[in-house]
Amino acid sequence: MTVLISILHVVVCLILIAAVLLQSGKAADLAGAFGGAGSATAFGPRGSASLMAKITTVSAILFMVTSLVLWLTSAPSKGSRMMGAEETRPAAAETAGEAEKPPVKSQEQPQ
């Protein structure tokens, strides 16, 4: 299951990269950068989304969903140990337990 989702994740990632790189920029001309007449359309009403914009939106949503699914499936199980997290606890508990113990008195009594 995880392998299938990982393969789907990589394919969606490649589609997302291609869709973003193939889109033309909004107001990419020089006049738009300096407030020319072409920049007035950047703030006007938007037309319907192009096919590339729809592909980008769908692939971005799929990328996020597959990322979350992979994160949830990679979570450690309840019985497994996380690296470094549980190894420090017993050592701290032992040193705390030794600090609470009273010093041991020797058994020999002077006569």
PDB file of N, CA and C in Angstrom:
ATOM      1  N   MET A   1       0.824  -1.189   0.000  1.00  0.00           N
ATOM      2  CA  MET A   1       0.000   0.000   0.000  1.00  0.00           C
ATOM      3  C   MET A   1       0.874   1.261   0.000  1.00  0.00           C
ATOM      4  N   THR A   2       1.896   1.263   0.866  1.00  0.00           N
ATOM      5  CA  THR A   2       2.770   2.430   0.958  1.00  0.00           C
ATOM      6  C   THR A   2       3.568   2.623  -0.325  1.00  0.00           C
ATOM      7  N   VAL A   3       3.962   1.530  -0.937  1.00  0.00           N
ATOM      8  CA  VAL A   3       4.726   1.619  -2.188  1.00  0.00           C
ATOM      9  C   VAL A   3       3.861   2.223  -3.290  1.00  0.00           C
ATOM     10  N   LEU A   4       2.615   1.803  -3.355  1.00  0.00           N
ATOM     11  CA  LEU A   4       1.696   2.329  -4.367  1.00  0.00           C
ATOM     12  C   LEU A   4       1.471   3.828  -4.166  1.00  0.00           C
ATOM     13  N   ILE A   5       1.284   4.244  -2.931  1.00  0.00           N
ATOM     14  CA  ILE A   5       1.076   5.673  -2.641  1.00  0.00           C
ATOM     15  C   ILE A   5       2.356   6.462  -2.930  1.00  0.00           C
ATOM     16  N   SER A   6       3.501   5.871  -2.649  1.00  0.00           N
ATOM     17  CA  SER A   6       4.768   6.551  -2.940  1.00  0.00           C
ATOM     18  C   SER A   6       4.954   6.755  -4.441  1.00  0.00           C
ATOM     19  N   ILE A   7       4.618   5.753  -5.229  1.00  0.00           N
ATOM     20  CA  ILE A   7       4.717   5.878  -6.685  1.00  0.00           C
ATOM     21  C   ILE A   7       3.752   6.943  -7.192  1.00  0.00           C
ATOM     22  N   LEU A   8       2.510   6.932  -6.679  1.00  0.00           N
ATOM     23  CA  LEU A   8       1.529   7.942  -7.053  1.00  0.00           C
ATOM     24  C   LEU A   8       2.013   9.343  -6.654  1.00  0.00           C
ATOM     25  N   HIS A   9       2.639   9.438  -5.501  1.00  0.00           N
ATOM     26  CA  HIS A   9       3.155  10.711  -5.005  1.00  0.00           C
ATOM     27  C   HIS A   9       4.235  11.273  -5.937  1.00  0.00           C
ATOM     28  N   VAL A  10       5.132  10.431  -6.394  1.00  0.00           N
ATOM     29  CA  VAL A  10       6.203  10.873  -7.294  1.00  0.00           C
ATOM     30  C   VAL A  10       5.629  11.287  -8.649  1.00  0.00           C
ATOM     31  N   VAL A  11       4.660  10.537  -9.157  1.00  0.00           N
ATOM     32  CA  VAL A  11       4.046  10.867 -10.447  1.00  0.00           C
ATOM     33  C   VAL A  11       3.311  12.209 -10.352  1.00  0.00           C
ATOM     34  N   VAL A  12       2.555  12.392  -9.273  1.00  0.00           N
ATOM     35  CA  VAL A  12       1.834  13.656  -9.077  1.00  0.00           C
ATOM     36  C   VAL A  12       2.824  14.810  -8.934  1.00  0.00           C
ATOM     37  N   CYS A  13       3.932  14.564  -8.260  1.00  0.00           N
ATOM     38  CA  CYS A  13       4.965  15.591  -8.099  1.00  0.00           C
ATOM     39  C   CYS A  13       5.529  16.016  -9.451  1.00  0.00           C
ATOM     40  N   LEU A  14       5.806  15.067 -10.311  1.00  0.00           N
ATOM     41  CA  LEU A  14       6.332  15.382 -11.640  1.00  0.00           C
ATOM     42  C   LEU A  14       5.309  16.133 -12.482  1.00  0.00           C
ATOM     43  N   ILE A  15       4.043  15.750 -12.382  1.00  0.00           N
ATOM     44  CA  ILE A  15       2.982  16.452 -13.117  1.00  0.00           C
ATOM     45  C   ILE A  15       2.851  17.883 -12.602  1.00  0.00           C
ATOM     46  N   LEU A  16       2.942  18.063 -11.299  1.00  0.00           N
ATOM     47  CA  LEU A  16       2.845  19.398 -10.711  1.00  0.00           C
ATOM     48  C   LEU A  16       3.999  20.287 -11.162  1.00  0.00           C
ATOM     49  N   ILE A  17       5.199  19.736 -11.181  1.00  0.00           N
ATOM     50  CA  ILE A  17       6.362  20.509 -11.645  1.00  0.00           C
ATOM     51  C   ILE A  17       6.183  20.915 -13.099  1.00  0.00           C
ATOM     52  N   ALA A  18       5.762  19.984 -13.935  1.00  0.00           N
ATOM     53  CA  ALA A  18       5.575  20.282 -15.360  1.00  0.00           C
ATOM     54  C   ALA A  18       4.468  21.313 -15.568  1.00  0.00           C
ATOM     55  N   ALA A  19       3.377  21.200 -14.823  1.00  0.00           N
ATOM     56  CA  ALA A  19       2.258  22.128 -14.987  1.00  0.00           C
ATOM     57  C   ALA A  19       2.647  23.542 -14.575  1.00  0.00           C
ATOM     58  N   VAL A  20       3.421  23.662 -13.508  1.00  0.00           N
ATOM     59  CA  VAL A  20       3.842  24.995 -13.069  1.00  0.00           C
ATOM     60  C   VAL A  20       4.827  25.607 -14.061  1.00  0.00           C
ATOM     61  N   LEU A  21       5.749  24.809 -14.544  1.00  0.00           N
ATOM     62  CA  LEU A  21       6.752  25.345 -15.465  1.00  0.00           C
ATOM     63  C   LEU A  21       6.190  25.674 -16.843  1.00  0.00           C
ATOM     64  N   LEU A  22       5.127  25.007 -17.261  1.00  0.00           N
ATOM     65  CA  LEU A  22       4.557  25.254 -18.587  1.00  0.00           C
ATOM     66  C   LEU A  22       3.588  26.433 -18.611  1.00  0.00           C
ATOM     67  N   GLN A  23       3.177  26.931 -17.465  1.00  0.00           N
ATOM     68  CA  GLN A  23       2.238  28.056 -17.442  1.00  0.00           C
ATOM     69  C   GLN A  23       2.950  29.343 -17.807  1.00  0.00           C
ATOM     70  N   SER A  24       2.223  30.211 -18.487  1.00  0.00           N
ATOM     71  CA  SER A  24       2.773  31.541 -18.771  1.00  0.00           C
ATOM     72  C   SER A  24       2.461  32.443 -17.583  1.00  0.00           C
ATOM     73  N   GLY A  25       3.342  33.383 -17.338  1.00  0.00           N
ATOM     74  CA  GLY A  25       3.158  34.276 -16.208  1.00  0.00           C
ATOM     75  C   GLY A  25       2.056  35.284 -16.453  1.00  0.00           C
ATOM     76  N   LYS A  26       1.484  35.786 -15.388  1.00  0.00           N
ATOM     77  CA  LYS A  26       0.480  36.841 -15.489  1.00  0.00           C
ATOM     78  C   LYS A  26       1.220  38.173 -15.536  1.00  0.00           C
ATOM     79  N   ALA A  27       1.027  38.978 -16.500  1.00  0.00           N
ATOM     80  CA  ALA A  27       1.681  40.280 -16.653  1.00  0.00           C
ATOM     81  C   ALA A  27       3.195  40.114 -16.640  1.00  0.00           C
ATOM     82  N   ALA A  28       3.686  39.246 -17.484  1.00  0.00           N
ATOM     83  CA  ALA A  28       5.116  38.967 -17.533  1.00  0.00           C
ATOM     84  C   ALA A  28       5.867  39.980 -18.383  1.00  0.00           C
ATOM     85  N   ASP A  29       5.150  40.894 -19.032  1.00  0.00           N
ATOM     86  CA  ASP A  29       5.837  41.867 -19.867  1.00  0.00           C
ATOM     87  C   ASP A  29       6.488  42.958 -19.027  1.00  0.00           C
ATOM     88  N   LEU A  30       7.348  43.726 -19.636  1.00  0.00           N
ATOM     89  CA  LEU A  30       8.102  44.760 -18.929  1.00  0.00           C
ATOM     90  C   LEU A  30       7.200  45.899 -18.470  1.00  0.00           C
ATOM     91  N   ALA A  31       6.182  46.243 -19.231  1.00  0.00           N
ATOM     92  CA  ALA A  31       5.281  47.326 -18.844  1.00  0.00           C
ATOM     93  C   ALA A  31       4.489  46.973 -17.590  1.00  0.00           C
ATOM     94  N   GLY A  32       4.151  45.709 -17.425  1.00  0.00           N
ATOM     95  CA  GLY A  32       3.413  45.289 -16.240  1.00  0.00           C
ATOM     96  C   GLY A  32       4.238  45.395 -14.981  1.00  0.00           C
ATOM     97  N   ALA A  33       5.542  45.238 -15.101  1.00  0.00           N
ATOM     98  CA  ALA A  33       6.410  45.314 -13.932  1.00  0.00           C
ATOM     99  C   ALA A  33       6.537  46.738 -13.412  1.00  0.00           C
ATOM    100  N   PHE A  34       6.422  47.734 -14.314  1.00  0.00           N
ATOM    101  CA  PHE A  34       6.605  49.128 -13.899  1.00  0.00           C
ATOM    102  C   PHE A  34       5.309  49.913 -13.887  1.00  0.00           C
ATOM    103  N   GLY A  35       4.173  49.259 -13.873  1.00  0.00           N
ATOM    104  CA  GLY A  35       2.901  49.965 -13.765  1.00  0.00           C
ATOM    105  C   GLY A  35       2.390  50.522 -15.066  1.00  0.00           C
ATOM    106  N   GLY A  36       2.718  49.915 -16.165  1.00  0.00           N
ATOM    107  CA  GLY A  36       2.258  50.390 -17.470  1.00  0.00           C
ATOM    108  C   GLY A  36       0.799  50.046 -17.705  1.00  0.00           C
ATOM    109  N   ALA A  37       0.350  50.265 -18.897  1.00  0.00           N
ATOM    110  CA  ALA A  37      -1.055  50.052 -19.234  1.00  0.00           C
ATOM    111  C   ALA A  37      -1.442  48.583 -19.148  1.00  0.00           C
ATOM    112  N   GLY A  38      -0.511  47.695 -19.369  1.00  0.00           N
ATOM    113  CA  GLY A  38      -0.834  46.271 -19.316  1.00  0.00           C
ATOM    114  C   GLY A  38      -1.090  45.762 -17.910  1.00  0.00           C
ATOM    115  N   SER A  39      -0.640  46.497 -16.896  1.00  0.00           N
ATOM    116  CA  SER A  39      -0.799  46.001 -15.531  1.00  0.00           C
ATOM    117  C   SER A  39      -2.196  46.204 -14.990  1.00  0.00           C
ATOM    118  N   ALA A  40      -3.020  47.030 -15.644  1.00  0.00           N
ATOM    119  CA  ALA A  40      -4.374  47.264 -15.155  1.00  0.00           C
ATOM    120  C   ALA A  40      -5.211  46.002 -15.253  1.00  0.00           C
ATOM    121  N   THR A  41      -4.887  45.138 -16.187  1.00  0.00           N
ATOM    122  CA  THR A  41      -5.657  43.915 -16.321  1.00  0.00           C
ATOM    123  C   THR A  41      -5.324  42.897 -15.236  1.00  0.00           C
ATOM    124  N   ALA A  42      -4.184  43.066 -14.559  1.00  0.00           N
ATOM    125  CA  ALA A  42      -3.805  42.113 -13.516  1.00  0.00           C
ATOM    126  C   ALA A  42      -4.751  42.183 -12.325  1.00  0.00           C
ATOM    127  N   PHE A  43      -5.347  43.359 -12.097  1.00  0.00           N
ATOM    128  CA  PHE A  43      -6.239  43.524 -10.955  1.00  0.00           C
ATOM    129  C   PHE A  43      -7.706  43.489 -11.345  1.00  0.00           C
ATOM    130  N   GLY A  44      -7.979  43.261 -12.601  1.00  0.00           N
ATOM    131  CA  GLY A  44      -9.350  43.213 -13.079  1.00  0.00           C
ATOM    132  C   GLY A  44      -9.956  41.833 -12.852  1.00  0.00           C
ATOM    133  N   PRO A  45     -11.162  41.627 -13.366  1.00  0.00           N
ATOM    134  CA  PRO A  45     -11.809  40.320 -13.197  1.00  0.00           C
ATOM    135  C   PRO A  45     -11.058  39.233 -13.957  1.00  0.00           C
ATOM    136  N   ARG A  46     -11.011  38.072 -13.351  1.00  0.00           N
ATOM    137  CA  ARG A  46     -10.323  36.948 -13.986  1.00  0.00           C
ATOM    138  C   ARG A  46     -11.294  36.190 -14.871  1.00  0.00           C
ATOM    139  N   GLY A  47     -10.765  35.682 -15.929  1.00  0.00           N
ATOM    140  CA  GLY A  47     -11.566  34.855 -16.812  1.00  0.00           C
ATOM    141  C   GLY A  47     -11.623  33.436 -16.270  1.00  0.00           C
ATOM    142  N   SER A  48     -12.168  32.546 -17.047  1.00  0.00           N
ATOM    143  CA  SER A  48     -12.217  31.159 -16.608  1.00  0.00           C
ATOM    144  C   SER A  48     -10.800  30.587 -16.572  1.00  0.00           C
ATOM    145  N   ALA A  49     -10.592  29.656 -15.685  1.00  0.00           N
ATOM    146  CA  ALA A  49      -9.261  29.069 -15.518  1.00  0.00           C
ATOM    147  C   ALA A  49      -8.898  28.232 -16.742  1.00  0.00           C
ATOM    148  N   SER A  50      -7.646  28.315 -17.130  1.00  0.00           N
ATOM    149  CA  SER A  50      -7.188  27.539 -18.278  1.00  0.00           C
ATOM    150  C   SER A  50      -7.005  26.073 -17.863  1.00  0.00           C
ATOM    151  N   LEU A  51      -6.758  25.254 -18.857  1.00  0.00           N
ATOM    152  CA  LEU A  51      -6.553  23.828 -18.580  1.00  0.00           C
ATOM    153  C   LEU A  51      -5.322  23.617 -17.691  1.00  0.00           C
ATOM    154  N   MET A  52      -4.260  24.385 -17.940  1.00  0.00           N
ATOM    155  CA  MET A  52      -3.046  24.236 -17.119  1.00  0.00           C
ATOM    156  C   MET A  52      -3.290  24.662 -15.678  1.00  0.00           C
ATOM    157  N   ALA A  53      -4.108  25.681 -15.478  1.00  0.00           N
ATOM    158  CA  ALA A  53      -4.425  26.112 -14.117  1.00  0.00           C
ATOM    159  C   ALA A  53      -5.225  25.039 -13.377  1.00  0.00           C
ATOM    160  N   LYS A  54      -6.138  24.394 -14.089  1.00  0.00           N
ATOM    161  CA  LYS A  54      -6.922  23.319 -13.470  1.00  0.00           C
ATOM    162  C   LYS A  54      -6.037  22.117 -13.145  1.00  0.00           C
ATOM    163  N   ILE A  55      -5.129  21.777 -14.055  1.00  0.00           N
ATOM    164  CA  ILE A  55      -4.206  20.661 -13.807  1.00  0.00           C
ATOM    165  C   ILE A  55      -3.317  20.973 -12.607  1.00  0.00           C
ATOM    166  N   THR A  56      -2.869  22.222 -12.507  1.00  0.00           N
ATOM    167  CA  THR A  56      -2.027  22.626 -11.376  1.00  0.00           C
ATOM    168  C   THR A  56      -2.788  22.502 -10.061  1.00  0.00           C
ATOM    169  N   THR A  57      -4.030  22.956 -10.039  1.00  0.00           N
ATOM    170  CA  THR A  57      -4.832  22.900  -8.823  1.00  0.00           C
ATOM    171  C   THR A  57      -5.085  21.462  -8.395  1.00  0.00           C
ATOM    172  N   VAL A  58      -5.479  20.624  -9.341  1.00  0.00           N
ATOM    173  CA  VAL A  58      -5.776  19.227  -9.007  1.00  0.00           C
ATOM    174  C   VAL A  58      -4.517  18.495  -8.552  1.00  0.00           C
ATOM    175  N   SER A  59      -3.409  18.722  -9.243  1.00  0.00           N
ATOM    176  CA  SER A  59      -2.175  18.027  -8.849  1.00  0.00           C
ATOM    177  C   SER A  59      -1.638  18.544  -7.519  1.00  0.00           C
ATOM    178  N   ALA A  60      -1.836  19.819  -7.211  1.00  0.00           N
ATOM    179  CA  ALA A  60      -1.408  20.340  -5.902  1.00  0.00           C
ATOM    180  C   ALA A  60      -2.232  19.721  -4.782  1.00  0.00           C
ATOM    181  N   ILE A  61      -3.522  19.569  -4.996  1.00  0.00           N
ATOM    182  CA  ILE A  61      -4.384  18.935  -3.982  1.00  0.00           C
ATOM    183  C   ILE A  61      -3.991  17.471  -3.803  1.00  0.00           C
ATOM    184  N   LEU A  62      -3.770  16.765  -4.909  1.00  0.00           N
ATOM    185  CA  LEU A  62      -3.352  15.357  -4.820  1.00  0.00           C
ATOM    186  C   LEU A  62      -1.992  15.216  -4.144  1.00  0.00           C
ATOM    187  N   PHE A  63      -1.088  16.150  -4.415  1.00  0.00           N
ATOM    188  CA  PHE A  63       0.229  16.121  -3.783  1.00  0.00           C
ATOM    189  C   PHE A  63       0.105  16.271  -2.266  1.00  0.00           C
ATOM    190  N   MET A  64      -0.742  17.190  -1.827  1.00  0.00           N
ATOM    191  CA  MET A  64      -0.933  17.373  -0.383  1.00  0.00           C
ATOM    192  C   MET A  64      -1.590  16.159   0.262  1.00  0.00           C
ATOM    193  N   VAL A  65      -2.574  15.590  -0.414  1.00  0.00           N
ATOM    194  CA  VAL A  65      -3.266  14.416   0.138  1.00  0.00           C
ATOM    195  C   VAL A  65      -2.315  13.225   0.231  1.00  0.00           C
ATOM    196  N   THR A  66      -1.540  12.981  -0.818  1.00  0.00           N
ATOM    197  CA  THR A  66      -0.607  11.851  -0.755  1.00  0.00           C
ATOM    198  C   THR A  66       0.497  12.099   0.270  1.00  0.00           C
ATOM    199  N   SER A  67       0.897  13.352   0.457  1.00  0.00           N
ATOM    200  CA  SER A  67       1.892  13.663   1.489  1.00  0.00           C
ATOM    201  C   SER A  67       1.345  13.338   2.876  1.00  0.00           C
ATOM    202  N   LEU A  68       0.104  13.716   3.127  1.00  0.00           N
ATOM    203  CA  LEU A  68      -0.503  13.427   4.431  1.00  0.00           C
ATOM    204  C   LEU A  68      -0.688  11.930   4.653  1.00  0.00           C
ATOM    205  N   VAL A  69      -1.099  11.225   3.602  1.00  0.00           N
ATOM    206  CA  VAL A  69      -1.288   9.774   3.734  1.00  0.00           C
ATOM    207  C   VAL A  69       0.039   9.082   4.009  1.00  0.00           C
ATOM    208  N   LEU A  70       1.085   9.496   3.311  1.00  0.00           N
ATOM    209  CA  LEU A  70       2.407   8.904   3.562  1.00  0.00           C
ATOM    210  C   LEU A  70       2.903   9.224   4.964  1.00  0.00           C
ATOM    211  N   TRP A  71       2.617  10.419   5.448  1.00  0.00           N
ATOM    212  CA  TRP A  71       3.017  10.787   6.807  1.00  0.00           C
ATOM    213  C   TRP A  71       2.267   9.943   7.830  1.00  0.00           C
ATOM    214  N   LEU A  72       0.975   9.745   7.619  1.00  0.00           N
ATOM    215  CA  LEU A  72       0.179   8.962   8.567  1.00  0.00           C
ATOM    216  C   LEU A  72       0.571   7.491   8.567  1.00  0.00           C
ATOM    217  N   THR A  73       0.921   6.967   7.401  1.00  0.00           N
ATOM    218  CA  THR A  73       1.296   5.555   7.353  1.00  0.00           C
ATOM    219  C   THR A  73       2.720   5.313   7.841  1.00  0.00           C
ATOM    220  N   SER A  74       3.532   6.359   7.898  1.00  0.00           N
ATOM    221  CA  SER A  74       4.900   6.176   8.372  1.00  0.00           C
ATOM    222  C   SER A  74       5.035   6.392   9.868  1.00  0.00           C
ATOM    223  N   ALA A  75       3.954   6.705  10.561  1.00  0.00           N
ATOM    224  CA  ALA A  75       4.012   6.928  12.000  1.00  0.00           C
ATOM    225  C   ALA A  75       4.419   5.630  12.691  1.00  0.00           C
ATOM    226  N   PRO A  76       5.276   5.716  13.714  1.00  0.00           N
ATOM    227  CA  PRO A  76       5.702   4.491  14.391  1.00  0.00           C
ATOM    228  C   PRO A  76       4.544   3.834  15.133  1.00  0.00           C
ATOM    229  N   SER A  77       4.575   2.524  15.181  1.00  0.00           N
ATOM    230  CA  SER A  77       3.520   1.812  15.886  1.00  0.00           C
ATOM    231  C   SER A  77       3.697   1.989  17.387  1.00  0.00           C
ATOM    232  N   LYS A  78       2.682   1.601  18.148  1.00  0.00           N
ATOM    233  CA  LYS A  78       2.696   1.826  19.590  1.00  0.00           C
ATOM    234  C   LYS A  78       3.805   1.046  20.283  1.00  0.00           C
ATOM    235  N   GLY A  79       4.136  -0.122  19.791  1.00  0.00           N
ATOM    236  CA  GLY A  79       5.147  -0.946  20.429  1.00  0.00           C
ATOM    237  C   GLY A  79       6.571  -0.618  20.012  1.00  0.00           C
ATOM    238  N   SER A  80       6.747   0.156  18.950  1.00  0.00           N
ATOM    239  CA  SER A  80       8.103   0.435  18.485  1.00  0.00           C
ATOM    240  C   SER A  80       8.705   1.599  19.260  1.00  0.00           C
ATOM    241  N   ARG A  81      10.023   1.664  19.232  1.00  0.00           N
ATOM    242  CA  ARG A  81      10.727   2.718  19.940  1.00  0.00           C
ATOM    243  C   ARG A  81      11.205   3.759  18.949  1.00  0.00           C
ATOM    244  N   MET A  82      11.056   5.010  19.319  1.00  0.00           N
ATOM    245  CA  MET A  82      11.601   6.084  18.501  1.00  0.00           C
ATOM    246  C   MET A  82      13.072   6.239  18.846  1.00  0.00           C
ATOM    247  N   MET A  83      13.872   6.583  17.862  1.00  0.00           N
ATOM    248  CA  MET A  83      15.305   6.672  18.076  1.00  0.00           C
ATOM    249  C   MET A  83      15.626   7.798  19.066  1.00  0.00           C
ATOM    250  N   GLY A  84      16.250   7.463  20.169  1.00  0.00           N
ATOM    251  CA  GLY A  84      16.709   8.444  21.126  1.00  0.00           C
ATOM    252  C   GLY A  84      15.667   8.912  22.115  1.00  0.00           C
ATOM    253  N   ALA A  85      14.391   8.695  21.851  1.00  0.00           N
ATOM    254  CA  ALA A  85      13.365   9.227  22.735  1.00  0.00           C
ATOM    255  C   ALA A  85      13.248   8.422  24.022  1.00  0.00           C
ATOM    256  N   GLU A  86      13.257   7.103  23.923  1.00  0.00           N
ATOM    257  CA  GLU A  86      13.048   6.271  25.099  1.00  0.00           C
ATOM    258  C   GLU A  86      14.353   5.843  25.749  1.00  0.00           C
ATOM    259  N   GLU A  87      15.454   6.020  25.063  1.00  0.00           N
ATOM    260  CA  GLU A  87      16.724   5.580  25.617  1.00  0.00           C
ATOM    261  C   GLU A  87      17.181   6.462  26.769  1.00  0.00           C
ATOM    262  N   THR A  88      16.761   7.697  26.807  1.00  0.00           N
ATOM    263  CA  THR A  88      17.192   8.601  27.869  1.00  0.00           C
ATOM    264  C   THR A  88      16.313   8.493  29.107  1.00  0.00           C
ATOM    265  N   ARG A  89      15.112   8.018  28.980  1.00  0.00           N
ATOM    266  CA  ARG A  89      14.204   7.949  30.120  1.00  0.00           C
ATOM    267  C   ARG A  89      14.665   6.990  31.211  1.00  0.00           C
ATOM    268  N   PRO A  90      15.058   5.743  30.911  1.00  0.00           N
ATOM    269  CA  PRO A  90      15.478   4.854  31.991  1.00  0.00           C
ATOM    270  C   PRO A  90      16.706   5.372  32.739  1.00  0.00           C
ATOM    271  N   ALA A  91      17.618   5.983  32.037  1.00  0.00           N
ATOM    272  CA  ALA A  91      18.802   6.502  32.701  1.00  0.00           C
ATOM    273  C   ALA A  91      18.427   7.626  33.654  1.00  0.00           C
ATOM    274  N   ALA A  92      17.506   8.460  33.261  1.00  0.00           N
ATOM    275  CA  ALA A  92      17.067   9.542  34.134  1.00  0.00           C
ATOM    276  C   ALA A  92      16.305   8.989  35.329  1.00  0.00           C
ATOM    277  N   ALA A  93      15.514   7.931  35.125  1.00  0.00           N
ATOM    278  CA  ALA A  93      14.763   7.343  36.232  1.00  0.00           C
ATOM    279  C   ALA A  93      15.706   6.671  37.227  1.00  0.00           C
ATOM    280  N   GLU A  94      16.771   6.042  36.747  1.00  0.00           N
ATOM    281  CA  GLU A  94      17.718   5.391  37.646  1.00  0.00           C
ATOM    282  C   GLU A  94      18.470   6.405  38.487  1.00  0.00           C
ATOM    283  N   THR A  95      18.884   7.486  37.892  1.00  0.00           N
ATOM    284  CA  THR A  95      19.619   8.492  38.668  1.00  0.00           C
ATOM    285  C   THR A  95      18.704   9.185  39.658  1.00  0.00           C
ATOM    286  N   ALA A  96      17.433   9.361  39.299  1.00  0.00           N
ATOM    287  CA  ALA A  96      16.497   9.969  40.233  1.00  0.00           C
ATOM    288  C   ALA A  96      16.218   9.018  41.390  1.00  0.00           C
ATOM    289  N   GLY A  97      16.147   7.716  41.103  1.00  0.00           N
ATOM    290  CA  GLY A  97      15.900   6.727  42.151  1.00  0.00           C
ATOM    291  C   GLY A  97      17.077   6.615  43.111  1.00  0.00           C
ATOM    292  N   GLU A  98      18.284   6.745  42.599  1.00  0.00           N
ATOM    293  CA  GLU A  98      19.464   6.667  43.457  1.00  0.00           C
ATOM    294  C   GLU A  98      19.573   7.878  44.362  1.00  0.00           C
ATOM    295  N   ALA A  99      19.103   9.010  43.893  1.00  0.00           N
ATOM    296  CA  ALA A  99      19.191  10.218  44.697  1.00  0.00           C
ATOM    297  C   ALA A  99      18.226  10.152  45.881  1.00  0.00           C
ATOM    298  N   GLU A 100      17.125   9.422  45.727  1.00  0.00           N
ATOM    299  CA  GLU A 100      16.137   9.331  46.794  1.00  0.00           C
ATOM    300  C   GLU A 100      16.495   8.282  47.843  1.00  0.00           C
ATOM    301  N   LYS A 101      17.350   7.337  47.511  1.00  0.00           N
ATOM    302  CA  LYS A 101      17.705   6.281  48.457  1.00  0.00           C
ATOM    303  C   LYS A 101      18.596   6.853  49.558  1.00  0.00           C
ATOM    304  N   PRO A 102      18.347   6.431  50.810  1.00  0.00           N
ATOM    305  CA  PRO A 102      19.239   6.871  51.887  1.00  0.00           C
ATOM    306  C   PRO A 102      20.567   6.147  51.784  1.00  0.00           C
ATOM    307  N   PRO A 103      21.621   6.740  52.309  1.00  0.00           N
ATOM    308  CA  PRO A 103      22.924   6.072  52.236  1.00  0.00           C
ATOM    309  C   PRO A 103      22.900   4.765  53.030  1.00  0.00           C
ATOM    310  N   VAL A 104      23.617   3.782  52.521  1.00  0.00           N
ATOM    311  CA  VAL A 104      23.665   2.462  53.150  1.00  0.00           C
ATOM    312  C   VAL A 104      24.647   2.516  54.328  1.00  0.00           C
ATOM    313  N   LYS A 105      24.181   2.069  55.504  1.00  0.00           N
ATOM    314  CA  LYS A 105      25.044   2.035  56.690  1.00  0.00           C
ATOM    315  C   LYS A 105      25.737   0.684  56.752  1.00  0.00           C
ATOM    316  N   SER A 106      26.931   0.722  57.221  1.00  0.00           N
ATOM    317  CA  SER A 106      27.663  -0.542  57.329  1.00  0.00           C
ATOM    318  C   SER A 106      27.093  -1.379  58.463  1.00  0.00           C
ATOM    319  N   GLN A 107      27.220  -2.697  58.360  1.00  0.00           N
ATOM    320  CA  GLN A 107      26.658  -3.613  59.322  1.00  0.00           C
ATOM    321  C   GLN A 107      27.529  -3.750  60.579  1.00  0.00           C
ATOM    322  N   GLU A 108      28.762  -3.392  60.494  1.00  0.00           N
ATOM    323  CA  GLU A 108      29.655  -3.547  61.630  1.00  0.00           C
ATOM    324  C   GLU A 108      29.465  -2.409  62.621  1.00  0.00           C
ATOM    325  N   GLN A 109      29.258  -2.755  63.888  1.00  0.00           N
ATOM    326  CA  GLN A 109      29.104  -1.781  64.955  1.00  0.00           C
ATOM    327  C   GLN A 109      30.370  -1.802  65.819  1.00  0.00           C
ATOM    328  N   PRO A 110      30.913  -0.672  66.166  1.00  0.00           N
ATOM    329  CA  PRO A 110      32.079  -0.685  67.060  1.00  0.00           C
ATOM    330  C   PRO A 110      31.668  -1.107  68.482  1.00  0.00           C
ATOM    331  N   GLN A 111      32.492  -1.899  69.134  1.00  0.00           N
ATOM    332  CA  GLN A 111      32.157  -2.400  70.475  1.00  0.00           C
ATOM    333  C   GLN A 111      32.904  -1.736  71.547  1.00  0.00           C
TER     334      GLN A 111
END
